[in-house]
Amino acid sequence: MTLTDKLRERISRAFYSHGLLCASYPIPIILFTALCILACCYPLLKLPLPGTGPVEYSTPVKDYSPPSPDTRPQQGDLGERPDWYVGAPVAYIQQIFVKATVSPWQKNFLAVDVFRSPLSRVFQLVEEIRNHALRDSSGVKSLEEVCLQVTDLLPGLKKLRNLLPEHGCLLLSPGNFWQNDRERFNADPDIIKTIHQHEPKTLQTSATLKDLLFGLPGKYSGVNLYNRKRVVSYTVTLGLQRYDSRFLSSLRSRLKLLYPSPNCTLREENIVHVHFKEEIGIAELIPLVTTYIILFAYIYFSTRKIDMVKSKWGLALAAVVTVLSSLLMSVGLCTLFGLTPTLNGGEIFPYLVVVIGLENVLVLTKSVVSTPVDLEVKLRIAQGLSNESWSIMKNMATELGIILIGYFTLVPAIQ
């Protein structure tokens, strides 16, 4: 017996045992499966609803001015300008990115003390930004005149009153963990514990307090006990109520003078406009919902001529639930690997799941009803799964191989 035959026999035996188990204890298996589905879908509670993810649009910085509230896309825009890009934005966000390398990093160094030096620089940087003023022929312009003023915290953020700015400029940095007090920072015996004390204990797919104050995803900050790259990164995030190119240019020149570095980048080619939708885009979901309705109808009418299927409606409903569960579970599990899709209706992934799921449902149904009628129901189900086991596994291996090749194309949409 060849290796392929041995593998085929083992797969067939495994599918037979699985089918026999499911047919013998249907209720416990269904309940166990439902629990698995709910567990895998739990991260979806933290994701934005379909169609509500932020969308971006870039414009050149040069000669930038806020669009008029009455401005609408013209024919000359080539369809690139979105409908929501009208009127002045709520705020402008400017980030000053700081990146430091800890070198040398001796084996006897404690991470708590190693990170203290690069993080301590943030206090002087924040002070320079707060005190900066633009002096020209028109007078003196301070940060208070251009920054976005925070009047009060939202009710859900009251417990973080000591960490978030209130009644002043919207300015965020890692220094907020110590109320921007350097003495408090120096007296802190465990700065890593202070940074992570507000991190959620459970799986979190949305931004945490650390992400907000560091200005980038926490895993890229390097401030943890397992930092092997010895690089610490954070930003000072500044909210502005209006875009003042002269003030920002003056601040940029001042910071470059104070912190000269050959790796410092001063690129300011584009402004990225971010739009958050207020309501679910129902129109975007119509094609996806229609696809699943067609799937339900197709399976129902495909099984009408099969007399051995007692409930055609039940089979069609089970197929839709299976395919939809596969979609939601895969999206939920993706978040464990740092992928946070928005489930926009235009993505091809939901339709790909339909095609793969539909194929298996029809193949298994046909295989089970083709088994000898004199066998018990549970034996027919086991035999039906066993007959198609090799074909299903071979197709799945091929599909995974194609997907793996697609991943290495480095095209974000395919990945």
Protein backbone atom coordinates (compact mmCIF):
# COMPACT_ATOMS: atom_id res chain seq x y z
CA MET A 1 0.00 0.00 0.00
CA THR A 2 1.42 3.35 -1.05
CA LEU A 3 1.73 6.37 1.22
CA THR A 4 -1.17 8.04 -0.59
CA ASP A 5 -3.40 5.03 -0.03
CA LYS A 6 -2.51 4.91 3.65
CA LEU A 7 -3.26 8.60 4.04
CA ARG A 8 -6.52 8.21 2.16
CA GLU A 9 -7.57 5.32 4.38
CA ARG A 10 -6.80 7.20 7.59
CA ILE A 11 -8.70 10.29 6.43
CA SER A 12 -11.66 8.14 5.41
CA ARG A 13 -11.66 6.38 8.78
CA ALA A 14 -11.48 9.71 10.63
CA PHE A 15 -14.43 11.13 8.67
CA TYR A 16 -16.43 7.95 9.28
CA SER A 17 -15.82 8.16 13.03
CA HIS A 18 -16.70 11.84 13.06
CA GLY A 19 -19.92 11.29 11.12
CA LEU A 20 -20.92 8.41 13.40
CA LEU A 21 -20.28 10.55 16.49
CA CYS A 22 -22.29 13.51 15.18
CA ALA A 23 -25.22 11.28 14.10
CA SER A 24 -25.25 9.38 17.41
CA TYR A 25 -25.26 12.48 19.65
CA PRO A 26 -26.76 15.27 17.54
CA ILE A 27 -27.99 17.55 20.35
CA PRO A 28 -24.70 17.66 22.36
CA ILE A 29 -22.72 18.11 19.15
CA ILE A 30 -24.94 21.02 18.03
CA LEU A 31 -24.66 22.67 21.46
CA PHE A 32 -20.88 22.20 21.53
CA THR A 33 -20.60 23.62 18.00
CA ALA A 34 -22.76 26.61 18.94
CA LEU A 35 -20.47 27.32 21.92
CA CYS A 36 -17.41 27.13 19.67
CA ILE A 37 -19.02 29.54 17.22
CA LEU A 38 -19.88 32.02 19.97
CA ALA A 39 -16.37 31.79 21.42
CA CYS A 40 -14.76 32.48 18.04
CA CYS A 41 -17.21 35.31 17.30
CA TYR A 42 -16.70 37.03 20.67
CA PRO A 43 -14.01 39.43 19.33
CA LEU A 44 -16.58 40.78 16.85
CA LEU A 45 -18.23 42.65 19.74
CA LYS A 46 -15.22 44.99 19.70
CA LEU A 47 -15.21 45.53 15.93
CA PRO A 48 -17.03 48.34 14.09
CA LEU A 49 -20.32 47.33 12.52
CA PRO A 50 -20.29 46.52 8.80
CA GLY A 51 -19.81 49.64 6.73
CA THR A 52 -18.91 51.84 9.73
CA GLY A 53 -15.14 51.56 9.52
CA PRO A 54 -13.20 54.81 8.95
CA VAL A 55 -12.41 55.75 5.36
CA GLU A 56 -9.49 57.90 4.22
CA TYR A 57 -8.86 60.48 1.52
CA SER A 58 -5.57 62.32 0.89
CA THR A 59 -4.99 65.83 -0.45
CA PRO A 60 -1.70 67.71 -1.03
CA VAL A 61 -0.47 69.85 1.85
CA LYS A 62 0.62 72.61 -0.51
CA ASP A 63 -2.01 75.36 -0.81
CA TYR A 64 -4.41 73.37 1.36
CA SER A 65 -7.65 75.01 2.47
CA PRO A 66 -10.78 73.42 3.98
CA PRO A 67 -13.43 72.64 1.37
CA SER A 68 -16.52 74.82 1.35
CA PRO A 69 -19.68 73.33 2.94
CA ASP A 70 -21.48 73.83 -0.39
CA THR A 71 -18.71 72.21 -2.47
CA ARG A 72 -19.69 69.04 -4.31
CA PRO A 73 -17.55 66.75 -6.47
CA GLN A 74 -17.26 68.01 -10.02
CA GLN A 75 -16.91 65.99 -13.20
CA GLY A 76 -13.24 66.90 -13.33
CA ASP A 77 -12.57 65.14 -10.02
CA LEU A 78 -12.43 61.79 -11.86
CA GLY A 79 -14.59 60.25 -9.18
CA GLU A 80 -11.76 60.31 -6.62
CA ARG A 81 -13.21 62.94 -4.31
CA PRO A 82 -15.67 61.35 -1.84
CA ASP A 83 -19.07 62.85 -1.09
CA TRP A 84 -18.25 63.35 2.60
CA TYR A 85 -15.28 65.64 1.88
CA VAL A 86 -17.16 68.92 2.42
CA GLY A 87 -16.82 71.62 5.05
CA ALA A 88 -14.16 72.11 7.69
CA PRO A 89 -13.09 69.02 9.68
CA VAL A 90 -13.80 68.59 13.38
CA ALA A 91 -10.08 68.72 14.21
CA TYR A 92 -6.59 68.34 12.78
CA ILE A 93 -4.21 65.80 14.30
CA GLN A 94 -0.47 66.39 14.27
CA GLN A 95 1.88 63.73 15.66
CA ILE A 96 5.53 64.13 16.61
CA PHE A 97 7.07 60.68 16.29
CA VAL A 98 9.93 59.72 18.60
CA LYS A 99 12.06 56.63 18.06
CA ALA A 100 14.94 55.65 20.31
CA THR A 101 17.34 52.72 20.34
CA VAL A 102 18.66 51.41 23.66
CA SER A 103 22.33 50.62 23.13
CA PRO A 104 24.26 48.94 24.56
CA TRP A 105 21.76 46.58 26.18
CA GLN A 106 23.64 44.53 28.73
CA LYS A 107 22.27 41.19 29.90
CA ASN A 108 22.05 42.37 33.48
CA PHE A 109 19.87 45.38 32.59
CA LEU A 110 16.33 45.47 33.92
CA ALA A 111 13.68 46.41 31.35
CA VAL A 112 12.07 48.79 33.86
CA ASP A 113 15.25 50.86 34.07
CA VAL A 114 16.22 50.57 30.40
CA PHE A 115 12.97 52.17 29.20
CA ARG A 116 13.19 54.98 31.74
CA SER A 117 15.73 57.03 29.77
CA PRO A 118 13.93 57.14 26.37
CA LEU A 119 10.54 57.76 28.02
CA SER A 120 11.91 60.56 30.21
CA ARG A 121 12.57 62.66 27.08
CA VAL A 122 8.85 63.08 26.52
CA PHE A 123 8.47 65.58 29.40
CA GLN A 124 10.94 68.05 27.90
CA LEU A 125 9.39 67.55 24.46
CA VAL A 126 5.86 68.25 25.74
CA GLU A 127 7.08 71.34 27.56
CA GLU A 128 8.73 72.68 24.40
CA ILE A 129 5.52 72.12 22.41
CA ARG A 130 3.34 73.81 25.04
CA ASN A 131 5.62 76.82 25.31
CA HIS A 132 6.25 77.26 21.60
CA ALA A 133 5.00 80.48 20.02
CA LEU A 134 5.15 81.88 16.50
CA ARG A 135 6.50 85.42 16.36
CA ASP A 136 6.07 87.39 13.15
CA SER A 137 4.94 90.79 11.94
CA SER A 138 1.35 90.09 12.95
CA GLY A 139 2.31 89.42 16.56
CA VAL A 140 2.79 86.38 18.77
CA LYS A 141 0.71 83.23 18.28
CA SER A 142 0.82 80.57 21.01
CA LEU A 143 -0.30 76.98 20.99
CA GLU A 144 -3.43 77.89 22.98
CA GLU A 145 -4.74 79.88 19.99
CA VAL A 146 -4.57 77.03 17.47
CA CYS A 147 -5.01 73.86 19.56
CA LEU A 148 -8.30 72.05 20.09
CA GLN A 149 -9.65 72.89 23.53
CA VAL A 150 -11.10 70.09 25.64
CA THR A 151 -14.01 71.31 27.76
CA ASP A 152 -15.04 68.13 29.55
CA LEU A 153 -14.53 64.38 29.41
CA LEU A 154 -17.23 62.00 28.25
CA PRO A 155 -19.07 60.20 31.08
CA GLY A 156 -17.39 56.89 30.24
CA LEU A 157 -13.94 58.49 30.56
CA LYS A 158 -14.43 60.19 33.93
CA LYS A 159 -12.49 57.42 35.67
CA LEU A 160 -9.44 58.36 33.56
CA ARG A 161 -9.59 62.02 34.61
CA ASN A 162 -5.99 61.94 35.86
CA LEU A 163 -4.66 60.50 32.60
CA LEU A 164 -6.53 62.40 29.88
CA PRO A 165 -6.43 66.17 29.27
CA GLU A 166 -9.38 68.16 30.59
CA HIS A 167 -10.10 71.91 30.30
CA GLY A 168 -7.13 72.64 28.07
CA CYS A 169 -5.33 71.73 24.87
CA LEU A 170 -5.85 68.24 23.48
CA LEU A 171 -2.29 66.95 23.85
CA LEU A 172 -1.56 63.27 24.45
CA SER A 173 1.73 61.55 25.19
CA PRO A 174 3.14 58.76 27.40
CA GLY A 175 3.79 61.50 29.95
CA ASN A 176 0.05 61.49 30.72
CA PHE A 177 0.58 58.29 32.69
CA TRP A 178 2.37 60.46 35.27
CA GLN A 179 0.24 63.63 34.81
CA ASN A 180 3.15 65.12 32.80
CA ASP A 181 5.08 65.41 36.05
CA ARG A 182 8.73 64.40 35.71
CA GLU A 183 9.19 64.10 39.47
CA ARG A 184 6.33 61.65 39.67
CA PHE A 185 7.89 59.69 36.79
CA ASN A 186 11.30 59.54 38.50
CA ALA A 187 9.70 58.35 41.73
CA ASP A 188 7.77 55.54 40.00
CA PRO A 189 9.49 52.23 40.90
CA ASP A 190 7.84 50.26 38.07
CA ILE A 191 6.97 52.32 35.00
CA ILE A 192 5.94 49.27 32.96
CA LYS A 193 3.34 48.33 35.55
CA THR A 194 2.00 51.89 35.49
CA ILE A 195 1.69 51.83 31.71
CA HIS A 196 -0.13 48.49 31.65
CA GLN A 197 -2.34 48.88 34.72
CA HIS A 198 -5.31 50.01 32.62
CA GLU A 199 -4.87 47.38 29.90
CA PRO A 200 -7.88 45.02 29.59
CA LYS A 201 -7.39 41.49 30.88
CA THR A 202 -9.45 39.97 28.06
CA LEU A 203 -9.03 40.03 24.28
CA GLN A 204 -9.22 43.62 23.04
CA THR A 205 -9.45 44.50 19.35
CA SER A 206 -10.13 48.23 19.71
CA ALA A 207 -7.59 50.84 20.84
CA THR A 208 -6.54 50.74 24.49
CA LEU A 209 -5.36 53.57 26.73
CA LYS A 210 -1.74 52.65 26.01
CA ASP A 211 -2.39 52.83 22.25
CA LEU A 212 -4.02 56.24 22.69
CA LEU A 213 -1.29 57.83 24.79
CA PHE A 214 1.61 56.28 22.87
CA GLY A 215 -0.05 57.32 19.59
CA LEU A 216 0.52 53.93 17.93
CA PRO A 217 -0.48 50.29 18.49
CA GLY A 218 0.98 49.06 21.76
CA LYS A 219 2.84 46.16 20.15
CA TYR A 220 4.91 48.63 18.11
CA SER A 221 5.91 50.79 21.08
CA GLY A 222 8.53 48.32 22.28
CA VAL A 223 7.71 49.06 25.92
CA ASN A 224 7.25 45.55 27.25
CA LEU A 225 9.27 42.88 29.00
CA TYR A 226 9.85 40.95 25.76
CA ASN A 227 11.42 43.67 23.62
CA ARG A 228 14.15 42.00 21.58
CA LYS A 229 14.67 44.81 19.05
CA ARG A 230 15.68 47.28 21.74
CA VAL A 231 13.70 50.05 20.03
CA VAL A 232 11.25 52.32 21.85
CA SER A 233 8.69 54.29 19.84
CA TYR A 234 5.99 56.76 20.84
CA THR A 235 4.39 59.98 19.65
CA VAL A 236 3.18 63.26 21.04
CA THR A 237 -0.31 63.72 19.60
CA LEU A 238 -1.57 67.27 19.23
CA GLY A 239 -5.16 68.20 18.33
CA LEU A 240 -5.63 71.45 16.41
CA GLN A 241 -8.89 73.29 15.81
CA ARG A 242 -7.58 74.71 12.54
CA TYR A 243 -4.66 74.02 10.22
CA ASP A 244 -1.98 76.70 10.56
CA SER A 245 0.90 75.86 8.25
CA ARG A 246 3.10 78.72 9.52
CA PHE A 247 2.75 77.68 13.16
CA LEU A 248 3.42 74.02 12.38
CA SER A 249 6.40 74.92 10.20
CA SER A 250 7.79 77.03 13.04
CA LEU A 251 7.26 74.20 15.55
CA ARG A 252 8.90 71.70 13.21
CA SER A 253 11.96 73.92 12.76
CA ARG A 254 12.24 74.43 16.52
CA LEU A 255 12.10 70.69 17.28
CA LYS A 256 14.60 69.91 14.56
CA LEU A 257 16.97 72.46 16.06
CA LEU A 258 16.60 70.97 19.55
CA TYR A 259 16.79 67.34 18.42
CA PRO A 260 19.01 67.15 15.33
CA SER A 261 19.10 63.71 13.78
CA PRO A 262 20.21 62.39 10.38
CA ASN A 263 17.18 60.08 10.42
CA CYS A 264 14.68 62.87 11.04
CA THR A 265 12.06 63.06 8.29
CA LEU A 266 10.25 66.27 7.48
CA ARG A 267 8.03 65.00 4.72
CA GLU A 268 4.71 66.81 4.56
CA GLU A 269 3.36 65.85 1.18
CA ASN A 270 -0.24 64.97 1.99
CA ILE A 271 -2.98 65.53 4.54
CA VAL A 272 -4.95 62.36 5.27
CA HIS A 273 -8.64 63.05 5.90
CA VAL A 274 -10.37 60.40 8.01
CA HIS A 275 -14.15 60.07 7.96
CA PHE A 276 -16.18 58.06 10.47
CA LYS A 277 -19.62 57.08 9.25
CA GLU A 278 -22.43 57.84 11.66
CA GLU A 279 -24.81 55.15 10.44
CA ILE A 280 -24.53 51.67 9.00
CA GLY A 281 -24.27 51.75 5.23
CA ILE A 282 -27.28 49.56 4.46
CA ALA A 283 -26.76 50.01 0.73
CA GLU A 284 -23.31 48.43 1.03
CA LEU A 285 -24.78 45.30 2.64
CA ILE A 286 -27.52 44.70 0.08
CA PRO A 287 -25.31 42.65 -2.31
CA LEU A 288 -24.04 40.46 0.55
CA VAL A 289 -27.50 39.88 2.04
CA THR A 290 -28.87 39.12 -1.43
CA THR A 291 -26.10 36.54 -1.95
CA TYR A 292 -27.07 34.63 1.19
CA ILE A 293 -30.77 34.74 0.26
CA ILE A 294 -29.90 33.28 -3.15
CA LEU A 295 -27.79 30.62 -1.40
CA PHE A 296 -30.79 29.66 0.76
CA ALA A 297 -33.12 29.47 -2.24
CA TYR A 298 -30.63 27.56 -4.38
CA ILE A 299 -30.10 24.82 -1.80
CA TYR A 300 -33.83 24.55 -1.14
CA PHE A 301 -34.75 24.12 -4.79
CA SER A 302 -31.76 21.84 -5.40
CA THR A 303 -33.00 19.41 -2.75
CA ARG A 304 -36.72 19.47 -3.61
CA LYS A 305 -36.33 16.43 -5.84
CA ILE A 306 -34.50 14.47 -3.15
CA ASP A 307 -37.20 12.51 -1.34
CA MET A 308 -34.85 11.22 1.35
CA VAL A 309 -34.26 14.75 2.70
CA LYS A 310 -37.11 15.17 5.17
CA SER A 311 -36.84 18.96 5.65
CA LYS A 312 -35.67 20.95 2.65
CA TRP A 313 -36.14 24.19 4.56
CA GLY A 314 -34.05 22.85 7.45
CA LEU A 315 -31.21 21.81 5.15
CA ALA A 316 -31.20 25.19 3.39
CA LEU A 317 -31.27 27.04 6.71
CA ALA A 318 -28.47 24.86 8.12
CA ALA A 319 -26.35 25.56 5.04
CA VAL A 320 -26.80 29.34 5.37
CA VAL A 321 -26.05 29.22 9.12
CA THR A 322 -22.94 27.11 8.45
CA VAL A 323 -21.61 29.47 5.79
CA LEU A 324 -22.43 32.59 7.80
CA SER A 325 -20.83 31.09 10.92
CA SER A 326 -17.69 30.29 8.92
CA LEU A 327 -17.49 33.93 7.84
CA LEU A 328 -18.00 35.37 11.33
CA MET A 329 -15.66 32.86 13.02
CA SER A 330 -12.86 33.52 10.54
CA VAL A 331 -13.15 37.28 11.01
CA GLY A 332 -13.20 36.83 14.79
CA LEU A 333 -10.13 34.59 14.73
CA CYS A 334 -8.29 37.03 12.44
CA THR A 335 -8.23 39.54 15.28
CA LEU A 336 -6.06 37.13 17.30
CA PHE A 337 -3.34 37.65 14.68
CA GLY A 338 -3.62 41.43 14.64
CA LEU A 339 -5.98 41.63 11.65
CA THR A 340 -9.03 43.83 12.18
CA PRO A 341 -11.21 43.84 9.06
CA THR A 342 -14.16 46.23 8.79
CA LEU A 343 -16.44 43.81 6.93
CA ASN A 344 -17.33 46.32 4.26
CA GLY A 345 -19.83 45.01 1.73
CA GLY A 346 -17.40 45.47 -1.14
CA GLU A 347 -14.89 42.92 0.12
CA ILE A 348 -14.71 39.67 -1.81
CA PHE A 349 -14.00 37.50 1.22
CA PRO A 350 -17.69 36.97 2.25
CA TYR A 351 -18.53 35.80 -1.28
CA LEU A 352 -15.54 33.44 -1.33
CA VAL A 353 -16.84 31.80 1.86
CA VAL A 354 -20.23 31.27 0.18
CA VAL A 355 -18.67 29.48 -2.79
CA ILE A 356 -16.53 27.14 -0.66
CA GLY A 357 -19.29 26.46 1.87
CA LEU A 358 -21.94 25.79 -0.77
CA GLU A 359 -19.74 23.24 -2.52
CA ASN A 360 -19.28 21.14 0.62
CA VAL A 361 -22.98 21.23 1.55
CA LEU A 362 -24.11 19.94 -1.85
CA VAL A 363 -21.39 17.31 -2.09
CA LEU A 364 -22.11 15.88 1.37
CA THR A 365 -25.89 15.89 0.81
CA LYS A 366 -25.55 14.01 -2.45
CA SER A 367 -23.11 11.54 -0.89
CA VAL A 368 -25.36 10.73 2.09
CA VAL A 369 -28.55 10.16 0.03
CA SER A 370 -26.57 7.91 -2.33
CA THR A 371 -25.76 5.40 0.42
CA PRO A 372 -27.79 2.14 0.72
CA VAL A 373 -31.26 2.81 2.15
CA ASP A 374 -31.26 -0.34 4.29
CA LEU A 375 -28.57 1.09 6.61
CA GLU A 376 -29.31 3.02 9.80
CA VAL A 377 -29.40 6.79 9.46
CA LYS A 378 -26.27 7.34 11.52
CA LEU A 379 -24.38 4.74 9.47
CA ARG A 380 -25.53 6.40 6.23
CA ILE A 381 -24.27 9.77 7.45
CA ALA A 382 -20.94 8.25 8.50
CA GLN A 383 -20.59 6.43 5.20
CA GLY A 384 -21.50 9.55 3.22
CA LEU A 385 -18.82 11.61 4.96
CA SER A 386 -16.29 8.83 4.53
CA ASN A 387 -16.95 8.55 0.79
CA GLU A 388 -16.22 12.24 0.20
CA SER A 389 -13.44 12.63 2.77
CA TRP A 390 -10.53 12.36 0.36
CA SER A 391 -12.11 14.71 -2.16
CA ILE A 392 -12.92 17.34 0.49
CA MET A 393 -9.46 17.22 2.05
CA LYS A 394 -7.76 17.35 -1.33
CA ASN A 395 -9.82 20.37 -2.39
CA MET A 396 -9.18 22.11 0.92
CA ALA A 397 -5.42 21.53 0.63
CA THR A 398 -5.50 22.98 -2.89
CA GLU A 399 -7.46 26.02 -1.76
CA LEU A 400 -5.10 26.62 1.15
CA GLY A 401 -2.14 26.31 -1.20
CA ILE A 402 -3.61 28.91 -3.55
CA ILE A 403 -4.35 31.23 -0.62
CA LEU A 404 -0.79 30.77 0.66
CA ILE A 405 0.61 31.71 -2.74
CA GLY A 406 -1.68 34.74 -2.76
CA TYR A 407 -0.39 35.78 0.67
CA PHE A 408 3.19 35.97 -0.61
CA THR A 409 2.16 38.30 -3.45
CA LEU A 410 2.33 41.06 -0.79
CA VAL A 411 -0.83 42.64 -2.23
CA PRO A 412 -2.80 43.89 0.84
CA ALA A 413 -6.23 43.13 -0.64
CA ILE A 414 -5.28 39.52 -1.40
CA GLN A 415 -3.53 39.07 1.93
